[in-house]
Amino acid sequence: MPRSKAELETAIRDGSGRAVLIVNARSRRGRRLHDRARTLLSDAGLEFAEVVPVTDPAGLRPVFHRVLADDPDLVVVGGGDGTVAEAVRHLTHRDAALGVLPLGTTNNFARSLELPMDLGGAVGVLASGKVADVDVGWFEGTADASSDASSDGHVFANMVSLGLSVEVARHVPHELKRLLGRPAYALTAARLLPRHRAFRATIEIDGETTEVETHQLNIANGAHHSGQRIARDASPDDRLLAVYRLGDGRRLRLASATARHVLTGPWRTLEEDAFLTTQHVRIATDPPLPVDVDGEIRARTPVTIRLLGNALRVIVPQSFVDT
């Protein structure tokens, strides 16, 4: 029987619980800020039974398997969206809380949790925040021959994407991303867009079918994409998946729709026609396409995506609305 949020928070705060720190030292800021993070955490009175720096992202999965075998109460993860996504896959439906130090490029899920993007602020939330339950997604697709990932269903934290963003994720130079941060994605997208082909997507929700033509289709659990807010009322705690496209079959429409997304996201709402909201959706495409799940190519269309409500425990600011 899992503890209440208050009981788990008490175990974390009174020192009776077990805490573990995992830092991806290869994330954009992880290597540079690892020592500073340790100092700030110590100064804030946060003690860890184990500290695990990870220099090879391929080693994250066995690290989580090992540390979770000891049933920690708190697992703090320092890294980008890929590191956080791996943590979410392991901590969903567990009686333990996830704390996040946003050390990546876009930090979409951390932004959705309303965490400060500066290291000191994020440490402050770990020291004085609260335990909240938030939603995650569940994804099932068709095996992709170009990926090592299987087609088995699995949890995701923030976003499932089809289209140009998949090609951008595949081709953005790692050094450019490390040097420029988020603008590296925009530059790569501008380079790839002239050769990108539109696709037709069939979206099935509650027995109703919607067909669209586009260069980009997203299914969001979180509130941010590419570091930008999707809609002012989007949240990883709203019991909704938000399905939306950027533009239609014309390439220039993708560019203008992306610009509108960046400029108007903080003001528009999920009730607008641009969004379909649901807890369960099936998507097929013509032609079949690879699918990006939290930054990794996981499968090909057709895909089925559903919501797992309140399935993950996280440390968030006291101001976060926990429903």
C-alpha atoms as a PDB file:
ATOM      1  CA  MET A   1       0.000   0.000   0.000  1.00  0.00           C
ATOM      2  CA  PRO A   2       1.628   3.283  -1.078  1.00  0.00           C
ATOM      3  CA  ARG A   3       2.027   6.027   1.486  1.00  0.00           C
ATOM      4  CA  SER A   4       0.073   9.239   1.301  1.00  0.00           C
ATOM      5  CA  LYS A   5       1.884  12.237  -0.161  1.00  0.00           C
ATOM      6  CA  ALA A   6       2.137  13.711   3.325  1.00  0.00           C
ATOM      7  CA  GLU A   7       3.680  10.525   4.719  1.00  0.00           C
ATOM      8  CA  LEU A   8       6.227  10.344   1.904  1.00  0.00           C
ATOM      9  CA  GLU A   9       7.066  14.028   2.313  1.00  0.00           C
ATOM     10  CA  THR A  10       7.608  13.527   6.047  1.00  0.00           C
ATOM     11  CA  ALA A  11      10.023  10.648   5.410  1.00  0.00           C
ATOM     12  CA  ILE A  12      11.979  12.834   2.989  1.00  0.00           C
ATOM     13  CA  ARG A  13      12.077  15.889   5.253  1.00  0.00           C
ATOM     14  CA  ASP A  14      12.767  14.330   8.659  1.00  0.00           C
ATOM     15  CA  GLY A  15      15.816  12.379   7.518  1.00  0.00           C
ATOM     16  CA  SER A  16      14.295   8.942   8.133  1.00  0.00           C
ATOM     17  CA  GLY A  17      14.003   8.234   4.397  1.00  0.00           C
ATOM     18  CA  ARG A  18      16.634   7.229   1.877  1.00  0.00           C
ATOM     19  CA  ALA A  19      17.620   9.655  -0.906  1.00  0.00           C
ATOM     20  CA  VAL A  20      19.710   8.992  -4.020  1.00  0.00           C
ATOM     21  CA  LEU A  21      21.261  11.505  -6.445  1.00  0.00           C
ATOM     22  CA  ILE A  22      21.865  10.540 -10.097  1.00  0.00           C
ATOM     23  CA  VAL A  23      23.560  13.101 -12.369  1.00  0.00           C
ATOM     24  CA  ASN A  24      24.038  12.731 -16.096  1.00  0.00           C
ATOM     25  CA  ALA A  25      27.507  14.251 -16.382  1.00  0.00           C
ATOM     26  CA  ARG A  26      27.170  14.328 -20.175  1.00  0.00           C
ATOM     27  CA  SER A  27      24.048  16.487 -20.279  1.00  0.00           C
ATOM     28  CA  ARG A  28      24.505  20.020 -21.584  1.00  0.00           C
ATOM     29  CA  ARG A  29      25.226  21.480 -18.147  1.00  0.00           C
ATOM     30  CA  GLY A  30      25.732  18.316 -16.124  1.00  0.00           C
ATOM     31  CA  ARG A  31      29.498  18.072 -16.466  1.00  0.00           C
ATOM     32  CA  ARG A  32      30.068  21.755 -15.758  1.00  0.00           C
ATOM     33  CA  LEU A  33      27.650  22.065 -12.831  1.00  0.00           C
ATOM     34  CA  HIS A  34      28.037  18.676 -11.151  1.00  0.00           C
ATOM     35  CA  ASP A  35      30.319  19.920  -8.361  1.00  0.00           C
ATOM     36  CA  ARG A  36      28.282  23.091  -7.832  1.00  0.00           C
ATOM     37  CA  ALA A  37      25.100  21.021  -7.568  1.00  0.00           C
ATOM     38  CA  ARG A  38      26.676  18.849  -4.873  1.00  0.00           C
ATOM     39  CA  THR A  39      27.704  21.954  -2.930  1.00  0.00           C
ATOM     40  CA  LEU A  40      24.293  23.615  -3.193  1.00  0.00           C
ATOM     41  CA  LEU A  41      22.492  20.416  -2.168  1.00  0.00           C
ATOM     42  CA  SER A  42      24.751  20.009   0.848  1.00  0.00           C
ATOM     43  CA  ASP A  43      24.299  23.657   1.854  1.00  0.00           C
ATOM     44  CA  ALA A  44      20.523  23.158   1.652  1.00  0.00           C
ATOM     45  CA  GLY A  45      20.771  20.279   4.118  1.00  0.00           C
ATOM     46  CA  LEU A  46      19.993  17.569   1.552  1.00  0.00           C
ATOM     47  CA  GLU A  47      21.920  14.397   2.269  1.00  0.00           C
ATOM     48  CA  PHE A  48      22.141  11.393  -0.050  1.00  0.00           C
ATOM     49  CA  ALA A  49      22.829   7.759   0.771  1.00  0.00           C
ATOM     50  CA  GLU A  50      24.341   7.380  -2.694  1.00  0.00           C
ATOM     51  CA  VAL A  51      25.556   9.749  -5.414  1.00  0.00           C
ATOM     52  CA  VAL A  52      25.901   8.316  -8.915  1.00  0.00           C
ATOM     53  CA  PRO A  53      27.519  10.376 -11.716  1.00  0.00           C
ATOM     54  CA  VAL A  54      26.744   8.811 -15.105  1.00  0.00           C
ATOM     55  CA  THR A  55      29.073   9.570 -18.010  1.00  0.00           C
ATOM     56  CA  ASP A  56      27.478   7.174 -20.518  1.00  0.00           C
ATOM     57  CA  PRO A  57      23.707   7.668 -21.024  1.00  0.00           C
ATOM     58  CA  ALA A  58      23.439   3.996 -21.987  1.00  0.00           C
ATOM     59  CA  GLY A  59      24.268   3.225 -18.371  1.00  0.00           C
ATOM     60  CA  LEU A  60      21.260   5.033 -16.935  1.00  0.00           C
ATOM     61  CA  ARG A  61      18.882   2.083 -17.125  1.00  0.00           C
ATOM     62  CA  PRO A  62      20.985  -0.354 -15.073  1.00  0.00           C
ATOM     63  CA  VAL A  63      21.715   2.454 -12.602  1.00  0.00           C
ATOM     64  CA  PHE A  64      17.999   2.967 -11.972  1.00  0.00           C
ATOM     65  CA  HIS A  65      17.421  -0.770 -11.645  1.00  0.00           C
ATOM     66  CA  ARG A  66      20.162  -0.973  -9.030  1.00  0.00           C
ATOM     67  CA  VAL A  67      19.282   2.057  -6.902  1.00  0.00           C
ATOM     68  CA  LEU A  68      15.547   1.331  -6.897  1.00  0.00           C
ATOM     69  CA  ALA A  69      16.200  -2.154  -5.551  1.00  0.00           C
ATOM     70  CA  ASP A  70      16.936  -0.444  -2.202  1.00  0.00           C
ATOM     71  CA  ASP A  71      13.512   1.296  -2.197  1.00  0.00           C
ATOM     72  CA  PRO A  72      14.611   4.938  -1.860  1.00  0.00           C
ATOM     73  CA  ASP A  73      12.073   7.553  -0.818  1.00  0.00           C
ATOM     74  CA  LEU A  74      13.565  10.253  -3.060  1.00  0.00           C
ATOM     75  CA  VAL A  75      15.475   9.999  -6.318  1.00  0.00           C
ATOM     76  CA  VAL A  76      16.960  13.299  -7.483  1.00  0.00           C
ATOM     77  CA  VAL A  77      17.998  13.342 -11.131  1.00  0.00           C
ATOM     78  CA  GLY A  78      20.251  15.953 -12.712  1.00  0.00           C
ATOM     79  CA  GLY A  79      20.159  16.057 -16.493  1.00  0.00           C
ATOM     80  CA  GLY A  80      18.090  16.898 -19.551  1.00  0.00           C
ATOM     81  CA  ASP A  81      14.804  15.570 -20.877  1.00  0.00           C
ATOM     82  CA  GLY A  82      16.288  12.208 -21.870  1.00  0.00           C
ATOM     83  CA  THR A  83      17.612  11.588 -18.370  1.00  0.00           C
ATOM     84  CA  VAL A  84      14.349  12.687 -16.783  1.00  0.00           C
ATOM     85  CA  ALA A  85      12.370  10.488 -19.190  1.00  0.00           C
ATOM     86  CA  GLU A  86      14.431   7.465 -18.142  1.00  0.00           C
ATOM     87  CA  ALA A  87      13.760   8.302 -14.490  1.00  0.00           C
ATOM     88  CA  VAL A  88      10.026   8.652 -15.135  1.00  0.00           C
ATOM     89  CA  ARG A  89       9.890   5.243 -16.811  1.00  0.00           C
ATOM     90  CA  HIS A  90      11.363   3.655 -13.676  1.00  0.00           C
ATOM     91  CA  LEU A  91       9.567   5.685 -11.000  1.00  0.00           C
ATOM     92  CA  THR A  92       6.008   5.537 -12.351  1.00  0.00           C
ATOM     93  CA  HIS A  93       3.667   3.709  -9.941  1.00  0.00           C
ATOM     94  CA  ARG A  94       6.393   3.544  -7.269  1.00  0.00           C
ATOM     95  CA  ASP A  95       6.180   4.786  -3.696  1.00  0.00           C
ATOM     96  CA  ALA A  96       9.050   7.226  -4.214  1.00  0.00           C
ATOM     97  CA  ALA A  97       9.329  10.843  -5.327  1.00  0.00           C
ATOM     98  CA  LEU A  98      11.307  12.186  -8.283  1.00  0.00           C
ATOM     99  CA  GLY A  99      13.270  15.404  -7.815  1.00  0.00           C
ATOM    100  CA  VAL A 100      14.663  17.186 -10.876  1.00  0.00           C
ATOM    101  CA  LEU A 101      17.734  19.357 -11.399  1.00  0.00           C
ATOM    102  CA  PRO A 102      17.247  20.750 -14.951  1.00  0.00           C
ATOM    103  CA  LEU A 103      20.675  20.472 -16.572  1.00  0.00           C
ATOM    104  CA  GLY A 104      19.683  19.858 -20.204  1.00  0.00           C
ATOM    105  CA  THR A 105      18.968  21.942 -23.301  1.00  0.00           C
ATOM    106  CA  THR A 106      15.183  22.351 -23.317  1.00  0.00           C
ATOM    107  CA  ASN A 107      14.142  20.863 -19.934  1.00  0.00           C
ATOM    108  CA  ASN A 108      10.538  20.509 -21.072  1.00  0.00           C
ATOM    109  CA  PHE A 109       9.276  18.298 -18.249  1.00  0.00           C
ATOM    110  CA  ALA A 110      11.028  20.385 -15.601  1.00  0.00           C
ATOM    111  CA  ARG A 111       9.350  23.496 -17.023  1.00  0.00           C
ATOM    112  CA  SER A 112       5.998  21.693 -16.918  1.00  0.00           C
ATOM    113  CA  LEU A 113       6.580  21.029 -13.221  1.00  0.00           C
ATOM    114  CA  GLU A 114       7.107  24.819 -12.846  1.00  0.00           C
ATOM    115  CA  LEU A 115      10.663  24.335 -11.612  1.00  0.00           C
ATOM    116  CA  PRO A 116      13.168  27.205 -11.753  1.00  0.00           C
ATOM    117  CA  MET A 117      15.682  26.741 -14.561  1.00  0.00           C
ATOM    118  CA  ASP A 118      18.590  28.008 -12.485  1.00  0.00           C
ATOM    119  CA  LEU A 119      20.396  25.439 -10.379  1.00  0.00           C
ATOM    120  CA  GLY A 120      20.056  27.338  -7.109  1.00  0.00           C
ATOM    121  CA  GLY A 121      16.312  27.728  -7.579  1.00  0.00           C
ATOM    122  CA  ALA A 122      15.838  24.059  -8.418  1.00  0.00           C
ATOM    123  CA  VAL A 123      17.782  23.041  -5.297  1.00  0.00           C
ATOM    124  CA  GLY A 124      15.573  25.398  -3.309  1.00  0.00           C
ATOM    125  CA  VAL A 125      12.474  23.526  -4.518  1.00  0.00           C
ATOM    126  CA  LEU A 126      14.005  20.209  -3.467  1.00  0.00           C
ATOM    127  CA  ALA A 127      14.593  21.657  -0.008  1.00  0.00           C
ATOM    128  CA  SER A 128      11.255  23.408   0.491  1.00  0.00           C
ATOM    129  CA  GLY A 129       8.838  22.033  -2.110  1.00  0.00           C
ATOM    130  CA  LYS A 130       6.061  19.470  -1.769  1.00  0.00           C
ATOM    131  CA  VAL A 131       5.231  16.000  -3.072  1.00  0.00           C
ATOM    132  CA  ALA A 132       2.656  16.019  -5.880  1.00  0.00           C
ATOM    133  CA  ASP A 133       1.122  13.338  -8.097  1.00  0.00           C
ATOM    134  CA  VAL A 134       1.232  14.065 -11.844  1.00  0.00           C
ATOM    135  CA  ASP A 135       0.223  12.290 -15.029  1.00  0.00           C
ATOM    136  CA  VAL A 136       2.401  10.358 -17.450  1.00  0.00           C
ATOM    137  CA  GLY A 137       1.646   8.792 -20.820  1.00  0.00           C
ATOM    138  CA  TRP A 138       1.688   5.216 -22.090  1.00  0.00           C
ATOM    139  CA  PHE A 139       2.842   4.502 -25.646  1.00  0.00           C
ATOM    140  CA  GLU A 140       2.537   1.443 -27.891  1.00  0.00           C
ATOM    141  CA  GLY A 141       3.702   1.309 -31.505  1.00  0.00           C
ATOM    142  CA  THR A 142       5.116  -0.847 -34.265  1.00  0.00           C
ATOM    143  CA  ALA A 143       8.753  -1.974 -34.141  1.00  0.00           C
ATOM    144  CA  ASP A 144      11.085   0.355 -36.019  1.00  0.00           C
ATOM    145  CA  ALA A 145      13.875  -1.358 -37.946  1.00  0.00           C
ATOM    146  CA  SER A 146      16.127   1.724 -37.645  1.00  0.00           C
ATOM    147  CA  SER A 147      15.925   1.770 -33.841  1.00  0.00           C
ATOM    148  CA  ASP A 148      17.185  -0.538 -31.127  1.00  0.00           C
ATOM    149  CA  ALA A 149      13.986   0.085 -29.162  1.00  0.00           C
ATOM    150  CA  SER A 150      11.289  -2.573 -29.099  1.00  0.00           C
ATOM    151  CA  SER A 151       7.626  -1.951 -29.900  1.00  0.00           C
ATOM    152  CA  ASP A 152       6.587  -2.928 -26.382  1.00  0.00           C
ATOM    153  CA  GLY A 153       4.469  -0.363 -24.604  1.00  0.00           C
ATOM    154  CA  HIS A 154       6.202   1.920 -22.150  1.00  0.00           C
ATOM    155  CA  VAL A 155       5.784   5.069 -20.091  1.00  0.00           C
ATOM    156  CA  PHE A 156       6.700   8.528 -21.376  1.00  0.00           C
ATOM    157  CA  ALA A 157       6.984  11.809 -19.513  1.00  0.00           C
ATOM    158  CA  ASN A 158       6.360  14.696 -21.883  1.00  0.00           C
ATOM    159  CA  MET A 159       5.815  14.266 -25.608  1.00  0.00           C
ATOM    160  CA  VAL A 160       5.248  11.938 -28.548  1.00  0.00           C
ATOM    161  CA  SER A 161       6.129  13.569 -31.888  1.00  0.00           C
ATOM    162  CA  LEU A 162       5.883  12.709 -35.575  1.00  0.00           C
ATOM    163  CA  GLY A 163       7.327  14.582 -38.528  1.00  0.00           C
ATOM    164  CA  LEU A 164      10.092  17.132 -38.921  1.00  0.00           C
ATOM    165  CA  SER A 165      11.071  17.123 -35.235  1.00  0.00           C
ATOM    166  CA  VAL A 166      12.022  13.451 -35.528  1.00  0.00           C
ATOM    167  CA  GLU A 167      14.469  14.278 -38.302  1.00  0.00           C
ATOM    168  CA  VAL A 168      15.778  17.238 -36.323  1.00  0.00           C
ATOM    169  CA  ALA A 169      16.400  15.015 -33.289  1.00  0.00           C
ATOM    170  CA  ARG A 170      18.277  12.575 -35.519  1.00  0.00           C
ATOM    171  CA  HIS A 171      20.453  15.165 -37.227  1.00  0.00           C
ATOM    172  CA  VAL A 172      21.119  18.010 -34.785  1.00  0.00           C
ATOM    173  CA  PRO A 173      24.886  18.043 -34.217  1.00  0.00           C
ATOM    174  CA  HIS A 174      25.716  17.231 -30.607  1.00  0.00           C
ATOM    175  CA  GLU A 175      28.441  19.870 -30.403  1.00  0.00           C
ATOM    176  CA  LEU A 176      26.128  22.518 -31.868  1.00  0.00           C
ATOM    177  CA  LYS A 177      23.503  21.634 -29.252  1.00  0.00           C
ATOM    178  CA  ARG A 178      26.106  21.841 -26.511  1.00  0.00           C
ATOM    179  CA  LEU A 179      27.318  25.216 -27.816  1.00  0.00           C
ATOM    180  CA  LEU A 180      24.020  26.948 -28.655  1.00  0.00           C
ATOM    181  CA  GLY A 181      21.369  25.134 -26.637  1.00  0.00           C
ATOM    182  CA  ARG A 182      17.814  25.420 -27.994  1.00  0.00           C
ATOM    183  CA  PRO A 183      18.725  27.500 -31.109  1.00  0.00           C
ATOM    184  CA  ALA A 184      20.602  24.436 -32.419  1.00  0.00           C
ATOM    185  CA  TYR A 185      17.246  22.740 -33.010  1.00  0.00           C
ATOM    186  CA  ALA A 186      15.846  25.733 -34.913  1.00  0.00           C
ATOM    187  CA  LEU A 187      18.913  25.928 -37.151  1.00  0.00           C
ATOM    188  CA  THR A 188      18.745  22.199 -37.893  1.00  0.00           C
ATOM    189  CA  ALA A 189      15.007  22.433 -38.650  1.00  0.00           C
ATOM    190  CA  ALA A 190      15.606  25.299 -41.106  1.00  0.00           C
ATOM    191  CA  ARG A 191      18.223  23.193 -42.874  1.00  0.00           C
ATOM    192  CA  LEU A 192      15.991  20.113 -43.131  1.00  0.00           C
ATOM    193  CA  LEU A 193      12.618  21.716 -43.885  1.00  0.00           C
ATOM    194  CA  PRO A 194      13.113  22.332 -47.660  1.00  0.00           C
ATOM    195  CA  ARG A 195      13.482  18.560 -48.240  1.00  0.00           C
ATOM    196  CA  HIS A 196      10.894  17.376 -45.714  1.00  0.00           C
ATOM    197  CA  ARG A 197       7.732  15.727 -47.082  1.00  0.00           C
ATOM    198  CA  ALA A 198       4.302  16.250 -45.551  1.00  0.00           C
ATOM    199  CA  PHE A 199       2.307  13.254 -44.341  1.00  0.00           C
ATOM    200  CA  ARG A 200      -1.345  12.407 -43.759  1.00  0.00           C
ATOM    201  CA  ALA A 201      -2.371  11.418 -40.236  1.00  0.00           C
ATOM    202  CA  THR A 202      -5.561   9.672 -39.149  1.00  0.00           C
ATOM    203  CA  ILE A 203      -6.405  10.498 -35.527  1.00  0.00           C
ATOM    204  CA  GLU A 204      -8.947   8.279 -33.748  1.00  0.00           C
ATOM    205  CA  ILE A 205     -10.464   9.556 -30.481  1.00  0.00           C
ATOM    206  CA  ASP A 206     -13.573   8.065 -28.822  1.00  0.00           C
ATOM    207  CA  GLY A 207     -14.727   6.453 -32.058  1.00  0.00           C
ATOM    208  CA  GLU A 208     -14.375   9.643 -34.084  1.00  0.00           C
ATOM    209  CA  THR A 209     -11.768  10.062 -36.817  1.00  0.00           C
ATOM    210  CA  THR A 210      -9.966  13.244 -37.839  1.00  0.00           C
ATOM    211  CA  GLU A 211      -7.648  13.368 -40.861  1.00  0.00           C
ATOM    212  CA  VAL A 212      -4.969  16.031 -41.219  1.00  0.00           C
ATOM    213  CA  GLU A 213      -2.054  16.745 -43.519  1.00  0.00           C
ATOM    214  CA  THR A 214       0.986  18.254 -41.869  1.00  0.00           C
ATOM    215  CA  HIS A 215       4.752  18.256 -41.400  1.00  0.00           C
ATOM    216  CA  GLN A 216       4.513  17.999 -37.600  1.00  0.00           C
ATOM    217  CA  LEU A 217       2.130  16.291 -35.165  1.00  0.00           C
ATOM    218  CA  ASN A 218       2.544  16.282 -31.371  1.00  0.00           C
ATOM    219  CA  ILE A 219       0.823  14.451 -28.540  1.00  0.00           C
ATOM    220  CA  ALA A 220       1.698  16.163 -25.248  1.00  0.00           C
ATOM    221  CA  ASN A 221       1.322  15.092 -21.656  1.00  0.00           C
ATOM    222  CA  GLY A 222       3.364  18.023 -20.371  1.00  0.00           C
ATOM    223  CA  ALA A 223       2.924  21.747 -20.896  1.00  0.00           C
ATOM    224  CA  HIS A 224       6.065  22.560 -22.921  1.00  0.00           C
ATOM    225  CA  HIS A 225       7.580  21.704 -26.290  1.00  0.00           C
ATOM    226  CA  SER A 226      11.024  22.896 -27.385  1.00  0.00           C
ATOM    227  CA  GLY A 227      11.193  24.899 -24.182  1.00  0.00           C
ATOM    228  CA  GLN A 228       8.009  26.846 -25.031  1.00  0.00           C
ATOM    229  CA  ARG A 229       4.602  26.667 -23.368  1.00  0.00           C
ATOM    230  CA  ILE A 230       1.929  24.843 -25.410  1.00  0.00           C
ATOM    231  CA  ALA A 231      -1.070  26.535 -23.805  1.00  0.00           C
ATOM    232  CA  ARG A 232      -1.554  28.489 -20.619  1.00  0.00           C
ATOM    233  CA  ASP A 233      -3.797  25.804 -19.084  1.00  0.00           C
ATOM    234  CA  ALA A 234      -1.746  22.781 -20.178  1.00  0.00           C
ATOM    235  CA  SER A 235      -0.283  20.800 -17.294  1.00  0.00           C
ATOM    236  CA  PRO A 236       1.103  17.335 -16.544  1.00  0.00           C
ATOM    237  CA  ASP A 237      -1.611  17.202 -13.872  1.00  0.00           C
ATOM    238  CA  ASP A 238      -4.732  17.947 -15.970  1.00  0.00           C
ATOM    239  CA  ARG A 239      -5.697  14.332 -16.909  1.00  0.00           C
ATOM    240  CA  LEU A 240      -5.416  15.228 -20.591  1.00  0.00           C
ATOM    241  CA  LEU A 241      -3.284  14.460 -23.608  1.00  0.00           C
ATOM    242  CA  ALA A 242      -3.145  17.382 -26.036  1.00  0.00           C
ATOM    243  CA  VAL A 243      -2.988  16.427 -29.723  1.00  0.00           C
ATOM    244  CA  TYR A 244      -2.022  19.217 -32.112  1.00  0.00           C
ATOM    245  CA  ARG A 245      -0.330  19.812 -35.442  1.00  0.00           C
ATOM    246  CA  LEU A 246       1.902  22.650 -36.539  1.00  0.00           C
ATOM    247  CA  GLY A 247       0.729  23.914 -39.930  1.00  0.00           C
ATOM    248  CA  ASP A 248      -0.644  21.881 -42.824  1.00  0.00           C
ATOM    249  CA  GLY A 249       0.995  20.252 -45.851  1.00  0.00           C
ATOM    250  CA  ARG A 250       2.749  23.429 -46.946  1.00  0.00           C
ATOM    251  CA  ARG A 251       6.276  23.970 -45.659  1.00  0.00           C
ATOM    252  CA  LEU A 252       5.890  27.699 -45.081  1.00  0.00           C
ATOM    253  CA  ARG A 253       2.806  27.041 -42.959  1.00  0.00           C
ATOM    254  CA  LEU A 254       4.946  24.928 -40.632  1.00  0.00           C
ATOM    255  CA  ALA A 255       7.333  27.822 -40.135  1.00  0.00           C
ATOM    256  CA  SER A 256       4.541  30.333 -39.476  1.00  0.00           C
ATOM    257  CA  ALA A 257       2.634  27.911 -37.215  1.00  0.00           C
ATOM    258  CA  THR A 258       5.782  27.279 -35.202  1.00  0.00           C
ATOM    259  CA  ALA A 259       6.285  31.008 -34.788  1.00  0.00           C
ATOM    260  CA  ARG A 260       2.673  31.408 -33.614  1.00  0.00           C
ATOM    261  CA  HIS A 261       3.173  28.500 -31.225  1.00  0.00           C
ATOM    262  CA  VAL A 262       6.179  30.237 -29.677  1.00  0.00           C
ATOM    263  CA  LEU A 263       4.519  33.652 -29.473  1.00  0.00           C
ATOM    264  CA  THR A 264       0.972  32.726 -28.402  1.00  0.00           C
ATOM    265  CA  GLY A 265       1.475  29.552 -26.323  1.00  0.00           C
ATOM    266  CA  PRO A 266       1.432  31.382 -22.969  1.00  0.00           C
ATOM    267  CA  TRP A 267      -1.981  32.913 -23.808  1.00  0.00           C
ATOM    268  CA  ARG A 268      -3.994  30.337 -25.778  1.00  0.00           C
ATOM    269  CA  THR A 269      -5.980  27.527 -24.132  1.00  0.00           C
ATOM    270  CA  LEU A 270      -6.582  23.832 -24.764  1.00  0.00           C
ATOM    271  CA  GLU A 271     -10.215  24.623 -25.618  1.00  0.00           C
ATOM    272  CA  GLU A 272      -9.176  26.217 -28.915  1.00  0.00           C
ATOM    273  CA  ASP A 273      -9.706  24.381 -32.200  1.00  0.00           C
ATOM    274  CA  ALA A 274      -5.959  23.869 -32.600  1.00  0.00           C
ATOM    275  CA  PHE A 275      -6.082  21.130 -29.936  1.00  0.00           C
ATOM    276  CA  LEU A 276      -7.773  17.770 -29.547  1.00  0.00           C
ATOM    277  CA  THR A 277      -7.793  16.671 -25.905  1.00  0.00           C
ATOM    278  CA  THR A 278      -8.298  13.111 -24.766  1.00  0.00           C
ATOM    279  CA  GLN A 279      -7.068  10.331 -22.501  1.00  0.00           C
ATOM    280  CA  HIS A 280      -6.685   7.807 -25.331  1.00  0.00           C
ATOM    281  CA  VAL A 281      -5.749   8.252 -28.991  1.00  0.00           C
ATOM    282  CA  ARG A 282      -4.694   6.065 -31.930  1.00  0.00           C
ATOM    283  CA  ILE A 283      -2.719   7.584 -34.805  1.00  0.00           C
ATOM    284  CA  ALA A 284      -1.919   6.093 -38.202  1.00  0.00           C
ATOM    285  CA  THR A 285       0.051   7.867 -40.933  1.00  0.00           C
ATOM    286  CA  ASP A 286       0.551   7.618 -44.672  1.00  0.00           C
ATOM    287  CA  PRO A 287       3.363   6.848 -45.147  1.00  0.00           C
ATOM    288  CA  PRO A 288       4.263   5.027 -41.883  1.00  0.00           C
ATOM    289  CA  LEU A 289       6.666   7.180 -39.874  1.00  0.00           C
ATOM    290  CA  PRO A 290       9.206   6.827 -37.073  1.00  0.00           C
ATOM    291  CA  VAL A 291       7.982   8.201 -33.764  1.00  0.00           C
ATOM    292  CA  ASP A 292       9.956  10.287 -31.280  1.00  0.00           C
ATOM    293  CA  VAL A 293       9.065   9.576 -27.650  1.00  0.00           C
ATOM    294  CA  ASP A 294      10.691  11.957 -25.177  1.00  0.00           C
ATOM    295  CA  GLY A 295      13.617  12.505 -27.528  1.00  0.00           C
ATOM    296  CA  GLU A 296      14.190   8.895 -28.613  1.00  0.00           C
ATOM    297  CA  ILE A 297      13.029   7.054 -31.732  1.00  0.00           C
ATOM    298  CA  ARG A 298      10.947   4.313 -30.156  1.00  0.00           C
ATOM    299  CA  ALA A 299       8.773   2.809 -32.911  1.00  0.00           C
ATOM    300  CA  ARG A 300       6.785   3.484 -36.085  1.00  0.00           C
ATOM    301  CA  THR A 301       3.161   4.357 -36.718  1.00  0.00           C
ATOM    302  CA  PRO A 302       0.450   3.272 -36.148  1.00  0.00           C
ATOM    303  CA  VAL A 303       0.663   4.149 -32.454  1.00  0.00           C
ATOM    304  CA  THR A 304      -1.693   4.035 -29.488  1.00  0.00           C
ATOM    305  CA  ILE A 305      -1.239   6.520 -26.661  1.00  0.00           C
ATOM    306  CA  ARG A 306      -3.134   6.750 -23.393  1.00  0.00           C
ATOM    307  CA  LEU A 307      -2.907   8.679 -20.159  1.00  0.00           C
ATOM    308  CA  LEU A 308      -1.886   7.282 -16.774  1.00  0.00           C
ATOM    309  CA  GLY A 309      -3.378   9.771 -14.325  1.00  0.00           C
ATOM    310  CA  ASN A 310      -1.533  10.672 -11.099  1.00  0.00           C
ATOM    311  CA  ALA A 311       0.957   7.858 -11.739  1.00  0.00           C
ATOM    312  CA  LEU A 312       4.175   9.683 -10.822  1.00  0.00           C
ATOM    313  CA  ARG A 313       5.253  11.365  -7.588  1.00  0.00           C
ATOM    314  CA  VAL A 314       7.425  14.456  -7.970  1.00  0.00           C
ATOM    315  CA  ILE A 315       8.867  17.292  -5.901  1.00  0.00           C
ATOM    316  CA  VAL A 316       7.351  20.577  -7.088  1.00  0.00           C
ATOM    317  CA  PRO A 317       7.141  24.176  -5.813  1.00  0.00           C
ATOM    318  CA  GLN A 318       4.537  24.868  -3.134  1.00  0.00           C
ATOM    319  CA  SER A 319       2.703  27.008  -5.705  1.00  0.00           C
ATOM    320  CA  PHE A 320       2.158  24.062  -8.089  1.00  0.00           C
ATOM    321  CA  VAL A 321      -1.561  23.201  -8.311  1.00  0.00           C
ATOM    322  CA  ASP A 322      -1.822  19.501  -7.423  1.00  0.00           C
ATOM    323  CA  THR A 323      -5.194  17.971  -8.344  1.00  0.00           C
END
